[in-house]
Amino acid sequence: MDKNGNLDVSGYKKDEVRQWTKGEVNGTIIAGGNGKGNNLNQLNWPTFIFVDQDGSLYVSDNNNHRVMKWIKDAKQGIIVAGGHGQGNNLTQLSNPHGIFVDHLNNVYVADFGNHRIVRWSSGSKEGSIIVGGNGEGKQQNQLNGPIGLSMDCEGHFYVVDHRNNRIRKFLVDLD
């Protein structure tokens, strides 16, 4: 839910994100909804979403291997992470899942297929690995299919390390 009490839901079968206001039955498409595809007004298997303090919507566009930002009332999104095909370069993602945006507009992505958490600084063309990235595994420096992210007010970062059946806690330098 956003700060206005609206409920935003990603619909991977229709490749869209809908928003419901109180009492609304069908919801309104706020991202995608133009068929499956990779144009800036399309999504392909949207999964996780995040709404920032300005009301902008961030969407994990899973099968396009990118994260899109949709400014309120926009007709198309902006690629803020990935978008260069599936891969493990710092400009690429592999089936992105959980996303989080901090107060500096850094975008954090659970890069599921690459077993890492990547941070894209605002306006950056490539990310930096902050957790994992050392192959699939269960050692302290590894993740195995990370899917969810959260951060507390003290800078502790929580990662759902899905295939290892654990939640990991890290301290991340926000500067």
N, C-alpha and C. Protein backbone atom coordinates (compact mmCIF):
# COMPACT_ATOMS: atom_id res chain seq x y z
N MET A 1 0.84 -1.18 0.00
CA MET A 1 0.00 0.00 0.00
C MET A 1 0.89 1.24 0.00
N ASP A 2 0.41 2.26 -0.70
CA ASP A 2 1.19 3.49 -0.70
C ASP A 2 0.76 4.39 0.46
N LYS A 3 1.39 5.55 0.57
CA LYS A 3 1.13 6.43 1.72
C LYS A 3 -0.28 7.02 1.70
N ASN A 4 -0.97 6.92 0.56
CA ASN A 4 -2.35 7.41 0.45
C ASN A 4 -3.38 6.32 0.68
N GLY A 5 -2.92 5.11 1.00
CA GLY A 5 -3.84 4.01 1.25
C GLY A 5 -4.28 3.26 0.00
N ASN A 6 -3.64 3.52 -1.13
CA ASN A 6 -3.96 2.80 -2.36
C ASN A 6 -3.23 1.47 -2.36
N LEU A 7 -3.86 0.46 -2.93
CA LEU A 7 -3.27 -0.87 -3.02
C LEU A 7 -2.76 -1.09 -4.43
N ASP A 8 -1.46 -1.33 -4.58
CA ASP A 8 -0.84 -1.61 -5.88
C ASP A 8 -0.51 -3.09 -5.95
N VAL A 9 -0.87 -3.72 -7.08
CA VAL A 9 -0.67 -5.16 -7.25
C VAL A 9 -0.10 -5.44 -8.63
N SER A 10 1.00 -6.22 -8.67
CA SER A 10 1.55 -6.62 -9.97
C SER A 10 0.80 -7.85 -10.45
N GLY A 11 0.49 -7.85 -11.74
CA GLY A 11 -0.22 -8.98 -12.34
C GLY A 11 0.62 -9.56 -13.46
N TYR A 12 1.35 -10.63 -13.16
CA TYR A 12 2.26 -11.18 -14.15
C TYR A 12 1.54 -11.83 -15.32
N LYS A 13 0.32 -12.28 -15.14
CA LYS A 13 -0.40 -12.92 -16.25
C LYS A 13 -0.87 -11.90 -17.28
N LYS A 14 -1.13 -10.67 -16.85
CA LYS A 14 -1.57 -9.61 -17.77
C LYS A 14 -0.46 -8.58 -18.02
N ASP A 15 0.70 -8.81 -17.44
CA ASP A 15 1.86 -7.92 -17.64
C ASP A 15 1.51 -6.47 -17.33
N GLU A 16 0.99 -6.26 -16.12
CA GLU A 16 0.57 -4.93 -15.71
C GLU A 16 0.64 -4.79 -14.19
N VAL A 17 0.58 -3.55 -13.75
CA VAL A 17 0.41 -3.25 -12.33
C VAL A 17 -0.86 -2.41 -12.22
N ARG A 18 -1.74 -2.81 -11.32
CA ARG A 18 -3.00 -2.08 -11.09
C ARG A 18 -2.99 -1.46 -9.71
N GLN A 19 -3.73 -0.36 -9.61
CA GLN A 19 -3.89 0.33 -8.33
C GLN A 19 -5.37 0.40 -7.99
N TRP A 20 -5.67 0.05 -6.75
CA TRP A 20 -7.03 0.14 -6.25
C TRP A 20 -7.10 1.21 -5.17
N THR A 21 -8.06 2.11 -5.32
CA THR A 21 -8.37 3.05 -4.26
C THR A 21 -9.53 2.46 -3.46
N LYS A 22 -9.75 2.98 -2.30
CA LYS A 22 -10.81 2.46 -1.42
C LYS A 22 -12.15 2.46 -2.16
N GLY A 23 -12.80 1.29 -2.17
CA GLY A 23 -14.10 1.14 -2.80
C GLY A 23 -14.08 0.81 -4.27
N GLU A 24 -12.92 0.89 -4.90
CA GLU A 24 -12.82 0.61 -6.34
C GLU A 24 -12.86 -0.90 -6.58
N VAL A 25 -13.54 -1.31 -7.64
CA VAL A 25 -13.73 -2.73 -7.91
C VAL A 25 -12.68 -3.29 -8.88
N ASN A 26 -12.43 -2.60 -9.98
CA ASN A 26 -11.55 -3.13 -11.03
C ASN A 26 -10.12 -2.63 -10.97
N GLY A 27 -9.88 -1.55 -10.31
CA GLY A 27 -8.54 -0.99 -10.28
C GLY A 27 -8.20 -0.27 -11.57
N THR A 28 -7.11 0.47 -11.53
CA THR A 28 -6.64 1.24 -12.68
C THR A 28 -5.23 0.78 -13.01
N ILE A 29 -4.96 0.58 -14.30
CA ILE A 29 -3.61 0.20 -14.72
C ILE A 29 -2.69 1.40 -14.53
N ILE A 30 -1.59 1.19 -13.80
CA ILE A 30 -0.63 2.28 -13.56
C ILE A 30 0.74 1.99 -14.15
N ALA A 31 0.95 0.77 -14.65
CA ALA A 31 2.21 0.41 -15.32
C ALA A 31 1.93 -0.78 -16.24
N GLY A 32 2.52 -0.74 -17.43
CA GLY A 32 2.31 -1.84 -18.37
C GLY A 32 0.89 -1.81 -18.91
N GLY A 33 0.33 -3.02 -19.11
CA GLY A 33 -1.03 -3.12 -19.63
C GLY A 33 -1.13 -2.98 -21.13
N ASN A 34 0.00 -2.98 -21.81
CA ASN A 34 0.03 -2.85 -23.27
C ASN A 34 0.52 -4.12 -23.93
N GLY A 35 0.20 -5.25 -23.33
CA GLY A 35 0.65 -6.54 -23.84
C GLY A 35 2.06 -6.85 -23.37
N LYS A 36 2.41 -8.12 -23.49
CA LYS A 36 3.75 -8.58 -23.11
C LYS A 36 4.76 -8.02 -24.10
N GLY A 37 5.85 -7.45 -23.59
CA GLY A 37 6.87 -6.92 -24.48
C GLY A 37 7.98 -6.22 -23.73
N ASN A 38 8.91 -5.63 -24.50
CA ASN A 38 10.05 -4.97 -23.88
C ASN A 38 10.14 -3.48 -24.22
N ASN A 39 9.07 -2.91 -24.78
CA ASN A 39 9.04 -1.47 -24.99
C ASN A 39 8.89 -0.78 -23.63
N LEU A 40 9.12 0.52 -23.59
CA LEU A 40 9.07 1.24 -22.31
C LEU A 40 7.66 1.34 -21.73
N ASN A 41 6.63 1.04 -22.53
CA ASN A 41 5.27 1.04 -22.02
C ASN A 41 4.75 -0.38 -21.79
N GLN A 42 5.66 -1.36 -21.79
CA GLN A 42 5.29 -2.75 -21.62
C GLN A 42 6.09 -3.41 -20.50
N LEU A 43 5.55 -4.51 -20.01
CA LEU A 43 6.23 -5.34 -19.03
C LEU A 43 6.16 -6.79 -19.50
N ASN A 44 7.04 -7.62 -18.94
CA ASN A 44 7.03 -9.05 -19.24
C ASN A 44 7.28 -9.80 -17.94
N TRP A 45 6.19 -10.21 -17.31
CA TRP A 45 6.21 -10.96 -16.06
C TRP A 45 6.65 -10.07 -14.89
N PRO A 46 5.89 -8.99 -14.63
CA PRO A 46 6.23 -8.14 -13.48
C PRO A 46 5.98 -8.89 -12.18
N THR A 47 6.90 -8.76 -11.26
CA THR A 47 6.76 -9.47 -9.99
C THR A 47 6.73 -8.49 -8.82
N PHE A 48 7.86 -8.16 -8.28
CA PHE A 48 7.92 -7.31 -7.09
C PHE A 48 7.78 -5.84 -7.45
N ILE A 49 7.19 -5.08 -6.52
CA ILE A 49 7.01 -3.65 -6.72
C ILE A 49 7.43 -2.90 -5.46
N PHE A 50 7.75 -1.61 -5.64
CA PHE A 50 8.11 -0.73 -4.53
C PHE A 50 7.59 0.66 -4.88
N VAL A 51 6.97 1.34 -3.93
CA VAL A 51 6.49 2.71 -4.13
C VAL A 51 7.31 3.63 -3.23
N ASP A 52 7.95 4.64 -3.85
CA ASP A 52 8.78 5.56 -3.06
C ASP A 52 7.93 6.69 -2.46
N GLN A 53 8.58 7.58 -1.72
CA GLN A 53 7.87 8.66 -1.03
C GLN A 53 7.20 9.65 -1.98
N ASP A 54 7.68 9.72 -3.23
CA ASP A 54 7.09 10.62 -4.22
C ASP A 54 5.93 9.97 -4.96
N GLY A 55 5.67 8.70 -4.67
CA GLY A 55 4.59 7.98 -5.36
C GLY A 55 5.02 7.31 -6.64
N SER A 56 6.32 7.34 -6.94
CA SER A 56 6.81 6.63 -8.12
C SER A 56 6.82 5.14 -7.84
N LEU A 57 6.49 4.37 -8.86
CA LEU A 57 6.38 2.92 -8.75
C LEU A 57 7.59 2.28 -9.41
N TYR A 58 8.24 1.36 -8.71
CA TYR A 58 9.36 0.59 -9.25
C TYR A 58 8.87 -0.84 -9.44
N VAL A 59 9.17 -1.43 -10.60
CA VAL A 59 8.66 -2.75 -10.94
C VAL A 59 9.81 -3.66 -11.36
N SER A 60 9.90 -4.84 -10.76
CA SER A 60 10.83 -5.87 -11.25
C SER A 60 10.20 -6.49 -12.49
N ASP A 61 10.75 -6.17 -13.63
CA ASP A 61 10.27 -6.66 -14.92
C ASP A 61 11.05 -7.93 -15.23
N ASN A 62 10.63 -9.02 -14.61
CA ASN A 62 11.40 -10.25 -14.50
C ASN A 62 11.94 -10.78 -15.82
N ASN A 63 11.09 -11.02 -16.79
CA ASN A 63 11.56 -11.64 -18.04
C ASN A 63 12.23 -10.67 -19.00
N ASN A 64 12.18 -9.37 -18.69
CA ASN A 64 12.97 -8.39 -19.44
C ASN A 64 14.29 -8.09 -18.72
N HIS A 65 14.48 -8.69 -17.56
CA HIS A 65 15.73 -8.58 -16.80
C HIS A 65 16.10 -7.13 -16.53
N ARG A 66 15.10 -6.40 -16.02
CA ARG A 66 15.29 -4.97 -15.74
C ARG A 66 14.36 -4.54 -14.62
N VAL A 67 14.65 -3.36 -14.06
CA VAL A 67 13.75 -2.72 -13.11
C VAL A 67 13.32 -1.41 -13.75
N MET A 68 12.01 -1.19 -13.74
CA MET A 68 11.42 0.00 -14.35
C MET A 68 10.89 0.93 -13.27
N LYS A 69 11.03 2.23 -13.51
CA LYS A 69 10.43 3.25 -12.64
C LYS A 69 9.31 3.93 -13.43
N TRP A 70 8.14 3.96 -12.83
CA TRP A 70 6.99 4.63 -13.43
C TRP A 70 6.63 5.81 -12.53
N ILE A 71 6.89 7.02 -13.01
CA ILE A 71 6.50 8.22 -12.29
C ILE A 71 4.97 8.31 -12.33
N LYS A 72 4.38 8.81 -11.28
CA LYS A 72 2.92 8.88 -11.18
C LYS A 72 2.31 9.46 -12.46
N ASP A 73 1.32 8.77 -13.00
CA ASP A 73 0.56 9.15 -14.20
C ASP A 73 1.37 9.06 -15.49
N ALA A 74 2.55 8.45 -15.47
CA ALA A 74 3.35 8.29 -16.69
C ALA A 74 2.73 7.25 -17.61
N LYS A 75 2.96 7.40 -18.91
CA LYS A 75 2.48 6.45 -19.91
C LYS A 75 3.52 5.39 -20.23
N GLN A 76 4.75 5.63 -19.80
CA GLN A 76 5.81 4.64 -19.98
C GLN A 76 6.80 4.76 -18.83
N GLY A 77 7.58 3.69 -18.66
CA GLY A 77 8.55 3.65 -17.58
C GLY A 77 9.94 4.06 -18.02
N ILE A 78 10.82 4.14 -17.04
CA ILE A 78 12.23 4.46 -17.24
C ILE A 78 13.02 3.27 -16.70
N ILE A 79 13.98 2.79 -17.45
CA ILE A 79 14.83 1.69 -16.96
C ILE A 79 15.82 2.26 -15.95
N VAL A 80 15.79 1.73 -14.73
CA VAL A 80 16.70 2.21 -13.69
C VAL A 80 17.73 1.15 -13.28
N ALA A 81 17.56 -0.07 -13.75
CA ALA A 81 18.52 -1.15 -13.46
C ALA A 81 18.37 -2.22 -14.52
N GLY A 82 19.51 -2.73 -14.98
CA GLY A 82 19.48 -3.78 -16.00
C GLY A 82 19.03 -3.25 -17.34
N GLY A 83 18.30 -4.10 -18.07
CA GLY A 83 17.78 -3.69 -19.37
C GLY A 83 18.69 -3.98 -20.53
N HIS A 84 19.77 -4.71 -20.29
CA HIS A 84 20.72 -5.05 -21.35
C HIS A 84 20.75 -6.56 -21.57
N GLY A 85 19.59 -7.18 -21.48
CA GLY A 85 19.50 -8.62 -21.65
C GLY A 85 19.90 -9.36 -20.39
N GLN A 86 19.62 -10.64 -20.39
CA GLN A 86 19.96 -11.48 -19.24
C GLN A 86 21.46 -11.74 -19.21
N GLY A 87 22.06 -11.59 -18.04
CA GLY A 87 23.49 -11.85 -17.92
C GLY A 87 24.00 -11.46 -16.55
N ASN A 88 25.32 -11.59 -16.36
CA ASN A 88 25.90 -11.30 -15.05
C ASN A 88 26.87 -10.13 -15.06
N ASN A 89 26.91 -9.36 -16.15
CA ASN A 89 27.71 -8.13 -16.14
C ASN A 89 27.04 -7.12 -15.20
N LEU A 90 27.74 -6.07 -14.83
CA LEU A 90 27.19 -5.08 -13.92
C LEU A 90 26.12 -4.20 -14.56
N THR A 91 25.91 -4.34 -15.87
CA THR A 91 24.83 -3.64 -16.55
C THR A 91 23.62 -4.55 -16.76
N GLN A 92 23.71 -5.78 -16.27
CA GLN A 92 22.68 -6.78 -16.52
C GLN A 92 22.12 -7.37 -15.23
N LEU A 93 20.94 -7.97 -15.38
CA LEU A 93 20.30 -8.72 -14.31
C LEU A 93 19.86 -10.06 -14.87
N SER A 94 19.53 -10.98 -13.98
CA SER A 94 18.98 -12.27 -14.38
C SER A 94 17.77 -12.58 -13.49
N ASN A 95 16.60 -12.32 -14.04
CA ASN A 95 15.33 -12.52 -13.33
C ASN A 95 15.29 -11.76 -12.00
N PRO A 96 15.26 -10.43 -12.07
CA PRO A 96 15.21 -9.63 -10.84
C PRO A 96 13.93 -9.88 -10.06
N HIS A 97 14.05 -9.90 -8.76
CA HIS A 97 12.90 -10.10 -7.88
C HIS A 97 12.73 -8.88 -6.97
N GLY A 98 13.00 -9.03 -5.67
CA GLY A 98 12.75 -7.96 -4.72
C GLY A 98 13.52 -6.69 -5.03
N ILE A 99 12.88 -5.55 -4.74
CA ILE A 99 13.52 -4.25 -4.96
C ILE A 99 13.25 -3.35 -3.75
N PHE A 100 14.19 -2.45 -3.54
CA PHE A 100 14.08 -1.48 -2.46
C PHE A 100 14.76 -0.20 -2.93
N VAL A 101 14.18 0.95 -2.61
CA VAL A 101 14.77 2.23 -2.97
C VAL A 101 14.99 3.01 -1.67
N ASP A 102 16.24 3.45 -1.45
CA ASP A 102 16.53 4.17 -0.21
C ASP A 102 16.27 5.67 -0.36
N HIS A 103 16.56 6.42 0.70
CA HIS A 103 16.30 7.86 0.73
C HIS A 103 17.17 8.65 -0.24
N LEU A 104 18.23 8.04 -0.76
CA LEU A 104 19.10 8.69 -1.75
C LEU A 104 18.74 8.28 -3.18
N ASN A 105 17.63 7.55 -3.33
CA ASN A 105 17.16 7.02 -4.61
C ASN A 105 18.07 5.96 -5.21
N ASN A 106 18.88 5.32 -4.37
CA ASN A 106 19.61 4.14 -4.81
C ASN A 106 18.62 2.99 -4.92
N VAL A 107 18.73 2.22 -6.01
CA VAL A 107 17.84 1.09 -6.24
C VAL A 107 18.60 -0.19 -5.93
N TYR A 108 18.05 -0.99 -5.02
CA TYR A 108 18.64 -2.27 -4.63
C TYR A 108 17.80 -3.37 -5.27
N VAL A 109 18.47 -4.36 -5.86
CA VAL A 109 17.76 -5.41 -6.59
C VAL A 109 18.24 -6.78 -6.13
N ALA A 110 17.28 -7.65 -5.83
CA ALA A 110 17.59 -9.07 -5.59
C ALA A 110 17.72 -9.71 -6.97
N ASP A 111 18.94 -9.91 -7.39
CA ASP A 111 19.26 -10.46 -8.71
C ASP A 111 19.24 -11.99 -8.60
N PHE A 112 18.04 -12.54 -8.69
CA PHE A 112 17.77 -13.95 -8.39
C PHE A 112 18.71 -14.91 -9.12
N GLY A 113 18.80 -14.79 -10.43
CA GLY A 113 19.58 -15.74 -11.23
C GLY A 113 21.08 -15.61 -11.06
N ASN A 114 21.54 -14.45 -10.59
CA ASN A 114 22.97 -14.24 -10.37
C ASN A 114 23.36 -14.37 -8.90
N HIS A 115 22.40 -14.66 -8.04
CA HIS A 115 22.67 -14.93 -6.61
C HIS A 115 23.41 -13.77 -5.94
N ARG A 116 22.86 -12.56 -6.15
CA ARG A 116 23.52 -11.37 -5.61
C ARG A 116 22.50 -10.26 -5.38
N ILE A 117 22.91 -9.28 -4.59
CA ILE A 117 22.15 -8.05 -4.42
C ILE A 117 22.99 -6.95 -5.05
N VAL A 118 22.35 -6.19 -5.94
CA VAL A 118 23.06 -5.16 -6.69
C VAL A 118 22.42 -3.80 -6.40
N ARG A 119 23.28 -2.79 -6.24
CA ARG A 119 22.80 -1.42 -6.01
C ARG A 119 23.11 -0.56 -7.23
N TRP A 120 22.08 0.13 -7.71
CA TRP A 120 22.24 1.12 -8.77
C TRP A 120 22.08 2.48 -8.13
N SER A 121 23.14 3.28 -8.15
CA SER A 121 23.03 4.66 -7.67
C SER A 121 22.15 5.42 -8.64
N SER A 122 21.49 6.44 -8.16
CA SER A 122 20.59 7.24 -8.99
C SER A 122 21.31 7.72 -10.24
N GLY A 123 20.77 7.40 -11.41
CA GLY A 123 21.33 7.82 -12.68
C GLY A 123 22.46 6.96 -13.21
N SER A 124 22.90 5.96 -12.47
CA SER A 124 24.02 5.11 -12.88
C SER A 124 23.62 4.16 -14.01
N LYS A 125 24.56 3.84 -14.87
CA LYS A 125 24.33 2.90 -15.97
C LYS A 125 24.73 1.48 -15.61
N GLU A 126 25.38 1.31 -14.46
CA GLU A 126 25.71 -0.03 -14.00
C GLU A 126 25.61 -0.09 -12.49
N GLY A 127 25.42 -1.31 -12.01
CA GLY A 127 25.27 -1.51 -10.58
C GLY A 127 26.57 -1.91 -9.92
N SER A 128 26.52 -2.00 -8.60
CA SER A 128 27.66 -2.52 -7.84
C SER A 128 27.11 -3.61 -6.92
N ILE A 129 27.87 -4.68 -6.82
CA ILE A 129 27.45 -5.81 -6.00
C ILE A 129 27.69 -5.46 -4.54
N ILE A 130 26.64 -5.59 -3.72
CA ILE A 130 26.81 -5.30 -2.30
C ILE A 130 26.73 -6.55 -1.44
N VAL A 131 26.10 -7.60 -1.95
CA VAL A 131 26.01 -8.87 -1.23
C VAL A 131 26.02 -9.99 -2.26
N GLY A 132 26.75 -11.06 -1.98
CA GLY A 132 26.77 -12.22 -2.88
C GLY A 132 27.63 -11.97 -4.10
N GLY A 133 27.20 -12.57 -5.22
CA GLY A 133 27.97 -12.44 -6.45
C GLY A 133 29.14 -13.40 -6.52
N ASN A 134 29.20 -14.34 -5.61
CA ASN A 134 30.29 -15.32 -5.57
C ASN A 134 29.79 -16.71 -5.93
N GLY A 135 28.85 -16.75 -6.84
CA GLY A 135 28.27 -18.02 -7.26
C GLY A 135 27.18 -18.48 -6.31
N GLU A 136 26.44 -19.44 -6.75
CA GLU A 136 25.36 -20.03 -5.97
C GLU A 136 25.94 -20.84 -4.83
N GLY A 137 25.43 -20.64 -3.61
CA GLY A 137 25.94 -21.42 -2.49
C GLY A 137 25.40 -20.97 -1.16
N LYS A 138 25.89 -21.60 -0.10
CA LYS A 138 25.41 -21.28 1.25
C LYS A 138 26.50 -20.78 2.18
N GLN A 139 27.66 -20.45 1.63
CA GLN A 139 28.71 -19.86 2.46
C GLN A 139 28.31 -18.43 2.84
N GLN A 140 29.05 -17.82 3.77
CA GLN A 140 28.72 -16.47 4.24
C GLN A 140 28.78 -15.41 3.14
N ASN A 141 29.59 -15.64 2.10
CA ASN A 141 29.72 -14.67 1.02
C ASN A 141 28.88 -15.06 -0.20
N GLN A 142 27.93 -15.96 -0.02
CA GLN A 142 27.11 -16.44 -1.13
C GLN A 142 25.62 -16.37 -0.80
N LEU A 143 24.82 -16.30 -1.86
CA LEU A 143 23.37 -16.40 -1.78
C LEU A 143 22.94 -17.48 -2.76
N ASN A 144 21.69 -17.91 -2.62
CA ASN A 144 21.15 -18.90 -3.54
C ASN A 144 19.69 -18.53 -3.84
N GLY A 145 19.51 -17.77 -4.91
CA GLY A 145 18.17 -17.35 -5.30
C GLY A 145 17.54 -16.32 -4.38
N PRO A 146 18.18 -15.16 -4.20
CA PRO A 146 17.57 -14.14 -3.34
C PRO A 146 16.29 -13.60 -3.97
N ILE A 147 15.24 -13.45 -3.15
CA ILE A 147 13.98 -12.96 -3.72
C ILE A 147 13.43 -11.71 -3.06
N GLY A 148 13.67 -11.51 -1.78
CA GLY A 148 13.07 -10.37 -1.09
C GLY A 148 14.09 -9.49 -0.42
N LEU A 149 13.76 -8.19 -0.31
CA LEU A 149 14.65 -7.21 0.30
C LEU A 149 13.86 -6.29 1.23
N SER A 150 14.52 -5.86 2.27
CA SER A 150 13.96 -4.83 3.14
C SER A 150 15.11 -4.15 3.87
N MET A 151 14.87 -2.92 4.31
CA MET A 151 15.89 -2.18 5.04
C MET A 151 15.23 -1.49 6.22
N ASP A 152 15.92 -1.49 7.36
CA ASP A 152 15.38 -0.77 8.51
C ASP A 152 16.00 0.62 8.59
N CYS A 153 15.56 1.40 9.56
CA CYS A 153 16.01 2.79 9.67
C CYS A 153 17.45 2.93 10.14
N GLU A 154 18.07 1.84 10.59
CA GLU A 154 19.46 1.88 11.04
C GLU A 154 20.43 1.42 9.96
N GLY A 155 19.93 1.15 8.75
CA GLY A 155 20.79 0.73 7.66
C GLY A 155 21.03 -0.77 7.59
N HIS A 156 20.29 -1.54 8.38
CA HIS A 156 20.39 -3.00 8.27
C HIS A 156 19.56 -3.45 7.08
N PHE A 157 20.15 -4.29 6.30
CA PHE A 157 19.53 -4.77 5.07
C PHE A 157 19.18 -6.24 5.27
N TYR A 158 17.96 -6.61 4.96
CA TYR A 158 17.49 -7.98 5.14
C TYR A 158 17.24 -8.60 3.77
N VAL A 159 17.76 -9.80 3.56
CA VAL A 159 17.65 -10.50 2.29
C VAL A 159 17.01 -11.86 2.52
N VAL A 160 15.96 -12.14 1.75
CA VAL A 160 15.37 -13.47 1.77
C VAL A 160 16.20 -14.33 0.81
N ASP A 161 17.01 -15.20 1.39
CA ASP A 161 17.89 -16.11 0.64
C ASP A 161 17.10 -17.40 0.40
N HIS A 162 16.25 -17.36 -0.60
CA HIS A 162 15.18 -18.33 -0.83
C HIS A 162 15.63 -19.79 -0.82
N ARG A 163 16.55 -20.15 -1.66
CA ARG A 163 16.92 -21.57 -1.79
C ARG A 163 17.79 -22.07 -0.64
N ASN A 164 18.26 -21.15 0.19
CA ASN A 164 18.98 -21.55 1.41
C ASN A 164 18.06 -21.53 2.62
N ASN A 165 16.79 -21.20 2.41
CA ASN A 165 15.79 -21.20 3.48
C ASN A 165 16.23 -20.36 4.68
N ARG A 166 16.69 -19.15 4.39
CA ARG A 166 17.15 -18.28 5.48
C ARG A 166 16.94 -16.81 5.12
N ILE A 167 16.94 -16.00 6.16
CA ILE A 167 16.94 -14.55 5.98
C ILE A 167 18.27 -14.05 6.49
N ARG A 168 18.95 -13.28 5.65
CA ARG A 168 20.27 -12.77 6.00
C ARG A 168 20.16 -11.29 6.37
N LYS A 169 20.98 -10.86 7.32
CA LYS A 169 21.00 -9.47 7.76
C LYS A 169 22.39 -8.91 7.51
N PHE A 170 22.45 -7.73 6.87
CA PHE A 170 23.71 -7.09 6.54
C PHE A 170 23.63 -5.62 6.92
N LEU A 171 24.77 -5.03 7.22
CA LEU A 171 24.85 -3.59 7.42
C LEU A 171 25.41 -3.00 6.13
N VAL A 172 24.65 -2.08 5.53
CA VAL A 172 25.03 -1.51 4.24
C VAL A 172 25.39 -0.05 4.43
N ASP A 173 26.51 0.36 3.84
CA ASP A 173 26.92 1.76 3.85
C ASP A 173 26.05 2.50 2.84
N LEU A 174 25.25 3.43 3.31
CA LEU A 174 24.32 4.15 2.43
C LEU A 174 24.95 5.33 1.73
N ASP A 175 26.17 5.69 2.07
CA ASP A 175 26.81 6.86 1.45
C ASP A 175 27.58 6.51 0.27
